[in-house]
């Protein structure tokens, strides 16, 4: 599943693997799992794959953690 960015017309993923989130957001894998353990983000498991929501990571990084998801 993906959304289309209004600014560029590019397809923006809704979920990314934790390994990809490391690259995109510049956070170490253990930091992402620590954030999940603290309840700051949710890691969704699909079999052996661990996924995080891109918008949730963006809100966390931008300091908008209290906002409801769109």
N, C-alpha and C. Protein backbone atom coordinates (compact mmCIF):
# COMPACT_ATOMS: atom_id res chain seq x y z
N UNK A 1 0.83 -1.18 0.00
CA UNK A 1 0.00 0.00 0.00
C UNK A 1 0.88 1.24 0.00
N UNK A 2 0.48 2.23 -0.75
CA UNK A 2 1.27 3.45 -0.82
C UNK A 2 0.37 4.63 -1.12
N UNK A 3 0.84 5.81 -0.76
CA UNK A 3 0.13 7.04 -1.05
C UNK A 3 0.92 7.84 -2.06
N UNK A 4 0.28 8.79 -2.71
CA UNK A 4 0.96 9.63 -3.70
C UNK A 4 1.21 10.99 -3.07
N UNK A 5 2.46 11.43 -3.13
CA UNK A 5 2.83 12.74 -2.62
C UNK A 5 2.24 13.81 -3.51
N UNK A 6 1.57 14.78 -2.90
CA UNK A 6 0.94 15.85 -3.67
C UNK A 6 1.99 16.76 -4.31
N UNK A 7 3.13 16.93 -3.66
CA UNK A 7 4.16 17.85 -4.14
C UNK A 7 4.91 17.32 -5.35
N UNK A 8 5.26 16.04 -5.34
CA UNK A 8 6.11 15.50 -6.40
C UNK A 8 5.42 14.49 -7.29
N UNK A 9 4.27 13.96 -6.88
CA UNK A 9 3.61 12.93 -7.64
C UNK A 9 4.23 11.56 -7.45
N UNK A 10 5.27 11.47 -6.59
CA UNK A 10 5.93 10.20 -6.33
C UNK A 10 5.09 9.35 -5.38
N UNK A 11 5.21 8.05 -5.52
CA UNK A 11 4.51 7.13 -4.63
C UNK A 11 5.31 7.04 -3.33
N UNK A 12 4.63 7.28 -2.22
CA UNK A 12 5.26 7.23 -0.90
C UNK A 12 4.74 5.99 -0.18
N UNK A 13 5.63 5.13 0.29
CA UNK A 13 5.17 3.92 0.97
C UNK A 13 4.48 4.25 2.29
N UNK A 14 3.54 3.43 2.67
CA UNK A 14 2.87 3.59 3.96
C UNK A 14 3.67 2.87 5.04
N UNK A 15 4.18 1.70 4.73
CA UNK A 15 5.02 0.93 5.64
C UNK A 15 6.37 0.68 4.98
N UNK A 16 7.42 0.60 5.81
CA UNK A 16 8.73 0.16 5.34
C UNK A 16 9.28 -0.84 6.33
N UNK A 17 10.15 -1.71 5.85
CA UNK A 17 10.83 -2.65 6.73
C UNK A 17 11.72 -1.87 7.69
N UNK A 18 11.97 -2.44 8.86
CA UNK A 18 12.84 -1.78 9.83
C UNK A 18 14.21 -1.52 9.19
N UNK A 19 14.71 -2.46 8.40
CA UNK A 19 16.01 -2.28 7.76
C UNK A 19 16.00 -1.06 6.82
N UNK A 20 14.91 -0.85 6.12
CA UNK A 20 14.78 0.31 5.23
C UNK A 20 14.60 1.60 6.04
N UNK A 21 13.88 1.52 7.16
CA UNK A 21 13.68 2.68 8.02
C UNK A 21 15.02 3.18 8.55
N UNK A 22 15.95 2.27 8.80
CA UNK A 22 17.29 2.66 9.22
C UNK A 22 17.92 3.60 8.20
N UNK A 23 17.84 3.22 6.94
CA UNK A 23 18.43 4.01 5.86
C UNK A 23 17.70 5.34 5.67
N UNK A 24 16.38 5.28 5.65
CA UNK A 24 15.57 6.46 5.36
C UNK A 24 15.65 7.50 6.47
N UNK A 25 15.59 7.05 7.73
CA UNK A 25 15.50 7.98 8.84
C UNK A 25 16.81 8.14 9.60
N UNK A 26 17.83 7.38 9.24
CA UNK A 26 19.14 7.52 9.86
C UNK A 26 19.20 7.06 11.31
N UNK A 27 18.36 6.09 11.65
CA UNK A 27 18.34 5.56 13.01
C UNK A 27 18.85 4.13 12.99
N UNK A 28 19.57 3.74 14.04
CA UNK A 28 20.05 2.38 14.16
C UNK A 28 18.87 1.45 14.45
N UNK A 29 18.98 0.22 14.01
CA UNK A 29 17.92 -0.78 14.21
C UNK A 29 17.55 -0.91 15.68
N UNK A 30 18.54 -0.93 16.56
CA UNK A 30 18.24 -1.07 17.98
C UNK A 30 17.49 0.15 18.52
N UNK A 31 17.74 1.32 17.95
CA UNK A 31 17.01 2.53 18.36
C UNK A 31 15.55 2.41 17.97
N UNK A 32 15.28 1.89 16.78
CA UNK A 32 13.90 1.71 16.33
C UNK A 32 13.16 0.73 17.24
N UNK A 33 13.80 -0.37 17.59
CA UNK A 33 13.18 -1.34 18.50
C UNK A 33 13.01 -0.76 19.91
N UNK A 34 13.95 0.06 20.35
CA UNK A 34 13.85 0.72 21.66
C UNK A 34 12.67 1.69 21.68
N UNK A 35 12.49 2.45 20.59
CA UNK A 35 11.34 3.36 20.48
C UNK A 35 10.03 2.58 20.55
N UNK A 36 10.01 1.41 19.94
CA UNK A 36 8.82 0.57 19.99
C UNK A 36 8.58 0.07 21.41
N UNK A 37 9.62 -0.35 22.10
CA UNK A 37 9.48 -0.85 23.47
C UNK A 37 8.97 0.24 24.40
N UNK A 38 9.30 1.49 24.11
CA UNK A 38 8.85 2.63 24.92
C UNK A 38 7.47 3.14 24.52
N UNK A 39 6.89 2.52 23.49
CA UNK A 39 5.55 2.91 23.06
C UNK A 39 5.52 4.14 22.17
N UNK A 40 6.66 4.56 21.66
CA UNK A 40 6.72 5.75 20.80
C UNK A 40 6.29 5.44 19.36
N UNK A 41 6.58 4.22 18.92
CA UNK A 41 6.17 3.76 17.59
C UNK A 41 5.68 2.32 17.73
N UNK A 42 5.01 1.83 16.69
CA UNK A 42 4.55 0.44 16.66
C UNK A 42 5.27 -0.30 15.56
N UNK A 43 5.80 -1.45 15.90
CA UNK A 43 6.39 -2.34 14.89
C UNK A 43 5.35 -3.40 14.58
N UNK A 44 5.00 -3.51 13.32
CA UNK A 44 4.01 -4.48 12.85
C UNK A 44 4.75 -5.68 12.28
N UNK A 45 4.43 -6.87 12.77
CA UNK A 45 5.08 -8.08 12.29
C UNK A 45 4.19 -8.77 11.26
N UNK A 46 4.78 -9.14 10.15
CA UNK A 46 4.11 -9.90 9.11
C UNK A 46 5.01 -11.10 8.82
N UNK A 47 4.76 -12.19 9.52
CA UNK A 47 5.67 -13.32 9.45
C UNK A 47 7.01 -12.92 10.06
N UNK A 48 8.07 -13.06 9.28
CA UNK A 48 9.40 -12.71 9.76
C UNK A 48 9.76 -11.25 9.46
N UNK A 49 8.85 -10.52 8.84
CA UNK A 49 9.12 -9.14 8.42
C UNK A 49 8.62 -8.16 9.48
N UNK A 50 9.48 -7.23 9.86
CA UNK A 50 9.11 -6.18 10.82
C UNK A 50 8.93 -4.88 10.03
N UNK A 51 7.74 -4.26 10.17
CA UNK A 51 7.41 -3.05 9.42
C UNK A 51 7.09 -1.90 10.37
N UNK A 52 7.41 -0.68 9.93
CA UNK A 52 7.01 0.52 10.66
C UNK A 52 6.28 1.45 9.70
N UNK A 53 5.34 2.23 10.22
CA UNK A 53 4.61 3.19 9.40
C UNK A 53 5.50 4.41 9.15
N UNK A 54 5.60 4.83 7.91
CA UNK A 54 6.41 5.98 7.55
C UNK A 54 5.89 7.24 8.23
N UNK A 55 4.57 7.46 8.23
CA UNK A 55 4.02 8.68 8.84
C UNK A 55 4.26 8.72 10.34
N UNK A 56 4.27 7.55 10.98
CA UNK A 56 4.54 7.49 12.42
C UNK A 56 5.99 7.89 12.71
N UNK A 57 6.91 7.42 11.89
CA UNK A 57 8.32 7.78 12.06
C UNK A 57 8.52 9.28 11.80
N UNK A 58 7.85 9.80 10.77
CA UNK A 58 7.98 11.23 10.45
C UNK A 58 7.46 12.09 11.60
N UNK A 59 6.31 11.72 12.17
CA UNK A 59 5.75 12.47 13.30
C UNK A 59 6.71 12.44 14.49
N UNK A 60 7.29 11.29 14.76
CA UNK A 60 8.22 11.15 15.88
C UNK A 60 9.42 12.06 15.68
N UNK A 61 10.00 12.00 14.50
CA UNK A 61 11.20 12.79 14.22
C UNK A 61 10.91 14.28 14.23
N UNK A 62 9.74 14.66 13.73
CA UNK A 62 9.37 16.08 13.67
C UNK A 62 8.80 16.58 14.99
N UNK A 63 8.70 15.70 15.97
CA UNK A 63 8.21 16.11 17.28
C UNK A 63 6.72 16.24 17.38
N UNK A 64 5.99 15.57 16.48
CA UNK A 64 4.52 15.64 16.47
C UNK A 64 3.93 14.34 16.97
N UNK A 65 4.51 13.77 18.02
CA UNK A 65 4.09 12.44 18.49
C UNK A 65 2.69 12.43 19.07
N UNK A 66 2.17 13.56 19.51
CA UNK A 66 0.85 13.59 20.12
C UNK A 66 -0.30 13.67 19.15
N UNK A 67 -0.02 13.84 17.86
CA UNK A 67 -1.07 13.99 16.86
C UNK A 67 -1.65 12.64 16.48
N UNK A 68 -2.92 12.62 16.18
CA UNK A 68 -3.58 11.39 15.73
C UNK A 68 -3.18 11.11 14.30
N UNK A 69 -3.12 9.84 13.95
CA UNK A 69 -2.79 9.44 12.57
C UNK A 69 -3.91 9.82 11.64
N UNK A 70 -3.54 10.22 10.45
CA UNK A 70 -4.54 10.62 9.44
C UNK A 70 -5.15 9.42 8.79
